[in-house]
Protein backbone atom coordinates (compact mmCIF):
# COMPACT_ATOMS: atom_id res chain seq x y z
CA UNK A 1 102.50 93.61 171.06
CA UNK A 2 100.46 93.00 174.20
CA UNK A 3 96.68 93.54 173.92
CA UNK A 4 96.98 96.25 176.57
CA UNK A 5 99.02 98.22 174.04
CA UNK A 6 96.34 98.02 171.37
CA UNK A 7 94.51 101.26 170.61
CA UNK A 8 91.49 100.06 168.65
CA UNK A 9 89.01 101.97 166.53
CA UNK A 10 85.89 99.92 165.73
CA UNK A 11 83.59 100.97 162.86
CA UNK A 12 80.40 98.89 162.76
CA UNK A 13 76.94 100.17 161.67
CA UNK A 14 75.04 97.13 162.99
CA UNK A 15 74.36 97.64 166.70
CA UNK A 16 74.23 93.92 167.54
CA UNK A 17 77.45 93.04 165.75
CA UNK A 18 79.04 96.18 167.18
CA UNK A 19 78.28 94.99 170.70
CA UNK A 20 79.75 91.55 169.97
CA UNK A 21 83.10 93.04 169.01
CA UNK A 22 83.05 95.47 171.94
CA UNK A 23 82.54 92.60 174.37
CA UNK A 24 85.22 90.43 172.77
CA UNK A 25 87.77 93.25 172.97
CA UNK A 26 86.89 94.32 176.49
CA UNK A 27 87.12 90.80 177.87
CA UNK A 28 90.47 90.39 176.15
CA UNK A 29 91.63 93.43 178.17
CA UNK A 30 92.35 95.62 175.15
CA UNK A 31 94.04 98.82 176.30
CA UNK A 32 92.06 101.49 174.43
CA UNK A 33 88.87 101.30 172.40
CA UNK A 34 86.83 103.89 170.57
CA UNK A 35 83.64 102.86 168.80
CA UNK A 36 82.06 104.48 165.76
CA UNK A 37 78.83 103.82 163.91
CA UNK A 38 79.54 106.00 160.87
CA UNK A 39 82.65 105.72 158.71
CA UNK A 40 83.07 109.40 157.83
CA UNK A 41 82.91 110.37 161.50
CA UNK A 42 85.60 107.77 162.19
CA UNK A 43 87.99 109.59 159.85
CA UNK A 44 87.50 112.77 161.86
CA UNK A 45 88.04 110.97 165.17
CA UNK A 46 91.21 109.32 163.86
CA UNK A 47 92.75 112.75 163.27
CA UNK A 48 93.25 112.93 167.04
CA UNK A 49 92.96 109.31 168.17
CA UNK A 50 96.19 107.47 167.36
CA UNK A 51 94.84 103.98 166.72
CA UNK A 52 97.15 101.10 165.84
CA UNK A 53 94.28 98.67 165.12
CA UNK A 54 91.20 99.50 163.05
CA UNK A 55 88.35 97.01 162.74
CA UNK A 56 85.71 97.92 160.17
CA UNK A 57 82.74 96.14 158.64
CA UNK A 58 82.93 95.87 154.86
CA UNK A 59 79.31 96.99 154.67
CA UNK A 60 79.34 100.60 155.93
CA UNK A 61 76.67 103.30 155.93
CA UNK A 62 77.27 104.80 152.48
CA UNK A 63 80.42 103.11 151.22
CA UNK A 64 82.44 99.92 151.45
CA UNK A 65 85.41 99.31 153.71
CA UNK A 66 87.56 99.30 150.58
CA UNK A 67 86.51 102.86 149.77
CA UNK A 68 86.99 103.96 153.38
CA UNK A 69 90.40 102.31 153.76
CA UNK A 70 91.66 104.02 150.63
CA UNK A 71 90.60 107.40 152.02
CA UNK A 72 92.17 106.62 155.39
CA UNK A 73 95.52 105.53 153.93
CA UNK A 74 95.76 108.65 151.75
CA UNK A 75 94.68 111.15 154.40
CA UNK A 76 97.43 113.42 155.65
CA UNK A 77 95.28 114.46 158.62
CA UNK A 78 94.90 111.15 160.47
CA UNK A 79 97.24 110.57 163.40
CA UNK A 80 98.45 107.13 162.25
CA UNK A 81 97.62 106.06 158.73
CA UNK A 82 99.95 103.06 159.14
CA UNK A 83 97.49 101.45 161.58
CA UNK A 84 96.58 97.85 160.75
CA UNK A 85 93.13 97.65 159.11
CA UNK A 86 90.97 94.56 159.61
CA UNK A 87 87.83 94.25 157.47
CA UNK A 88 84.95 92.00 158.58
CA UNK A 89 82.17 90.58 156.41
CA UNK A 90 79.55 87.84 156.56
CA UNK A 91 80.13 86.90 152.94
CA UNK A 92 83.51 87.60 151.46
CA UNK A 93 84.69 86.59 148.02
CA UNK A 94 87.99 86.66 146.18
CA UNK A 95 86.85 89.87 144.51
CA UNK A 96 86.22 91.48 147.91
CA UNK A 97 89.60 90.31 149.20
CA UNK A 98 91.35 91.84 146.20
CA UNK A 99 89.44 95.09 146.60
CA UNK A 100 90.49 95.33 150.24
CA UNK A 101 94.09 94.39 149.45
CA UNK A 102 94.42 97.10 146.81
CA UNK A 103 92.76 99.62 149.15
CA UNK A 104 95.44 98.99 151.78
CA UNK A 105 93.71 96.67 154.27
CA UNK A 106 95.76 94.13 156.21
CA UNK A 107 93.19 91.36 156.72
CA UNK A 108 89.68 90.18 155.91
CA UNK A 109 87.81 88.24 158.62
CA UNK A 110 84.54 86.32 158.27
CA UNK A 111 81.48 87.06 160.40
CA UNK A 112 80.06 86.08 162.82
CA UNK A 113 83.25 86.74 164.74
CA UNK A 114 84.72 84.56 167.45
CA UNK A 115 87.19 85.71 170.08
CA UNK A 116 89.90 83.32 168.90
CA UNK A 117 89.67 84.24 165.22
CA UNK A 118 89.55 88.00 165.79
CA UNK A 119 92.30 88.22 168.39
CA UNK A 120 94.62 85.71 166.72
CA UNK A 121 94.32 87.45 163.35
CA UNK A 122 95.17 90.81 164.91
CA UNK A 123 98.15 89.29 166.71
CA UNK A 124 99.35 87.61 163.51
CA UNK A 125 99.32 90.89 161.59
CA UNK A 126 100.92 92.96 164.36
CA UNK A 127 103.67 90.41 164.98
CA UNK A 128 104.57 90.27 161.27
CA UNK A 129 104.39 93.87 160.04
CA UNK A 130 104.86 94.43 156.32
CA UNK A 131 106.76 97.26 154.72
CA UNK A 132 104.52 100.31 154.43
CA UNK A 133 104.31 101.67 150.88
CA UNK A 134 103.57 105.34 150.27
CA UNK A 135 103.44 105.78 146.51
CA UNK A 136 101.29 107.89 144.13
CA UNK A 137 99.22 104.87 143.06
CA UNK A 138 99.06 102.96 146.36
CA UNK A 139 99.36 103.60 150.10
CA UNK A 140 99.36 100.74 152.58
CA UNK A 141 101.13 97.52 153.58
CA UNK A 142 103.09 95.80 150.80
CA UNK A 143 100.56 93.98 148.59
CA UNK A 144 102.87 91.34 147.17
CA UNK A 145 102.18 88.85 149.96
CA UNK A 146 98.41 89.12 149.45
CA UNK A 147 95.91 89.77 152.23
CA UNK A 148 95.41 87.77 155.41
CA UNK A 149 92.03 85.99 155.49
CA UNK A 150 90.45 84.26 158.48
CA UNK A 151 87.16 83.02 159.87
CA UNK A 152 84.32 81.00 158.45
CA UNK A 153 81.74 83.36 156.92
CA UNK A 154 78.16 82.14 156.78
CA UNK A 155 77.93 82.86 153.06
CA UNK A 156 80.75 82.41 150.59
CA UNK A 157 80.88 81.93 146.84
CA UNK A 158 81.83 78.41 145.83
CA UNK A 159 85.06 78.39 143.90
CA UNK A 160 86.57 81.45 145.59
CA UNK A 161 89.32 79.16 146.87
CA UNK A 162 91.15 76.61 144.81
CA UNK A 163 90.62 73.98 147.48
CA UNK A 164 87.25 74.68 149.08
CA UNK A 165 85.55 72.05 151.19
CA UNK A 166 81.94 71.07 150.47
CA UNK A 167 79.62 73.67 152.01
CA UNK A 168 78.07 72.74 155.35
CA UNK A 169 74.29 72.21 155.29
CA UNK A 170 72.20 75.18 156.39
CA UNK A 171 71.05 74.73 159.98
CA UNK A 172 67.74 75.87 161.39
CA UNK A 173 67.93 77.86 164.60
CA UNK A 174 66.78 74.84 166.60
CA UNK A 175 69.44 72.65 164.99
CA UNK A 176 72.10 75.30 165.58
CA UNK A 177 71.11 75.50 169.26
CA UNK A 178 71.33 71.72 169.65
CA UNK A 179 74.72 71.68 167.95
CA UNK A 180 75.92 74.41 170.30
CA UNK A 181 74.77 72.41 173.32
CA UNK A 182 76.71 69.40 172.12
CA UNK A 183 79.80 71.48 171.35
CA UNK A 184 79.63 73.13 174.77
CA UNK A 185 79.54 69.73 176.49
CA UNK A 186 82.58 68.66 174.50
CA UNK A 187 84.36 71.91 175.37
CA UNK A 188 83.73 71.45 179.08
CA UNK A 189 85.28 67.99 178.93
CA UNK A 190 88.20 69.12 176.78
CA UNK A 191 89.12 72.86 176.67
CA UNK A 192 91.14 72.15 173.52
CA UNK A 193 87.80 71.98 171.69
CA UNK A 194 87.46 75.78 171.79
CA UNK A 195 87.29 76.14 168.00
CA UNK A 196 84.48 73.59 167.76
CA UNK A 197 82.48 75.49 170.37
CA UNK A 198 83.15 78.86 168.72
CA UNK A 199 82.10 77.50 165.32
CA UNK A 200 78.80 76.23 166.74
CA UNK A 201 78.23 79.56 168.48
CA UNK A 202 78.69 81.45 165.20
CA UNK A 203 75.69 79.66 163.67
CA UNK A 204 73.43 80.74 166.54
CA UNK A 205 74.87 84.27 166.42
CA UNK A 206 74.13 84.48 162.71
CA UNK A 207 70.46 83.61 163.29
CA UNK A 208 70.23 86.15 166.12
CA UNK A 209 71.80 88.96 164.08
CA UNK A 210 69.72 88.23 160.97
CA UNK A 211 66.52 88.25 163.05
CA UNK A 212 67.53 91.29 165.15
CA UNK A 213 66.87 89.09 168.19
CA UNK A 214 68.36 91.21 170.98
CA UNK A 215 67.88 88.73 173.87
CA UNK A 216 69.44 85.84 171.94
CA UNK A 217 72.23 88.12 170.76
CA UNK A 218 72.88 89.09 174.39
CA UNK A 219 73.15 85.44 175.45
CA UNK A 220 75.51 84.74 172.54
CA UNK A 221 77.69 87.63 173.68
CA UNK A 222 77.74 86.21 177.19
CA UNK A 223 78.75 82.84 175.75
CA UNK A 224 81.57 84.42 173.75
CA UNK A 225 82.75 86.31 176.84
CA UNK A 226 82.91 83.09 178.81
CA UNK A 227 85.03 81.36 176.16
CA UNK A 228 87.34 84.37 175.80
CA UNK A 229 87.93 84.85 179.55
CA UNK A 230 91.15 83.35 180.84
CA UNK A 231 92.13 81.54 184.08
CA UNK A 232 88.62 80.81 185.30
CA UNK A 233 88.32 77.91 187.78
CA UNK A 234 86.77 74.81 186.21
CA UNK A 235 83.62 74.90 188.36
CA UNK A 236 83.01 78.58 187.61
CA UNK A 237 83.53 78.05 183.87
CA UNK A 238 81.12 75.13 183.90
CA UNK A 239 78.52 77.27 185.69
CA UNK A 240 78.87 80.06 183.15
CA UNK A 241 78.81 77.80 180.08
CA UNK A 242 75.83 75.79 181.32
CA UNK A 243 73.96 79.02 182.07
CA UNK A 244 74.56 80.16 178.49
CA UNK A 245 73.46 76.85 177.01
CA UNK A 246 70.28 76.90 179.10
CA UNK A 247 69.60 80.47 177.97
CA UNK A 248 70.03 79.61 174.30
CA UNK A 249 67.83 76.53 174.58
CA UNK A 250 64.99 78.36 176.31
CA UNK A 251 65.09 81.30 173.88
CA UNK A 252 65.05 79.02 170.84
CA UNK A 253 62.47 76.45 171.97
CA UNK A 254 59.93 78.27 174.15
CA UNK A 255 57.45 80.97 173.28
CA UNK A 256 58.12 83.71 175.80
CA UNK A 257 56.84 87.24 176.10
CA UNK A 258 59.33 89.99 175.20
CA UNK A 259 59.78 90.95 178.86
CA UNK A 260 60.45 87.31 179.78
CA UNK A 261 63.03 86.97 177.01
CA UNK A 262 64.77 90.17 178.14
CA UNK A 263 64.81 88.99 181.76
CA UNK A 264 66.29 85.62 180.77
CA UNK A 265 69.03 87.31 178.74
CA UNK A 266 69.91 89.62 181.63
CA UNK A 267 69.99 86.71 184.07
CA UNK A 268 72.34 84.78 181.80
CA UNK A 269 74.64 87.78 181.40
CA UNK A 270 74.75 88.21 185.17
CA UNK A 271 75.65 84.53 185.63
CA UNK A 272 78.57 84.86 183.23
CA UNK A 273 79.74 88.08 184.86
CA UNK A 274 79.71 86.30 188.21
CA UNK A 275 81.74 83.41 186.80
CA UNK A 276 84.32 85.71 185.20
CA UNK A 277 84.60 87.71 188.42
CA UNK A 278 86.06 84.64 190.13
CA UNK A 279 89.36 85.43 188.38
CA UNK A 280 89.91 88.09 191.01
CA UNK A 281 88.97 85.81 193.89
């Protein structure tokens, strides 16, 4: 299914993380998108809005995504209760995965999100639909195959996977910014290194979200947009990426006034928008 045929409903209480997903979907040219902050309101909207993709944070306003998904699957009022449900979380465990699977979710994705992980997971689920079960004790995609998991959450319980690699050392914000600069340089030399760049970006995004740092979050969004955009000339991509790296470095190393930080974030976003606009040139 082409992304232009996706009708997405996003449920995300955190305004910064909500904006990240919005930007990733818009720059992927998703056909339809409705955005909700509160889960119960989303159920009402979905009575009229026929979504085929639902992306919801596990941590909702007054319930978990498992609770919400179970209500959604069993509701006779929603327009399409067979829609694929993707749950996102910064720290998922085997217990959480099982809870989502038994609630009727299709996939669990680690935060912070990257364009590649989010879009590829959605494509994987939509291209391989499972039989939909509508029984008294369970409603949702067939559970026998388990639940799709993706991403690299910042926090994860050791031992949740039988073969789990040694946890990466915790990076300070300054270290994460330096790592992102190095990954960006590698990406510009070899576009095949997208995953390395996205992984480095997630560390900086995590710091920005945890600190409610709006300017840094804005620059991270611009960075993600640049990576997600397709068919950009090499010189324009380099300009956009380097602008993002400069923005991250300044925001993480210099003491700026709030107005200066906001201006820098806006300038970086404008630089990326200009680079992406070259697709139409």
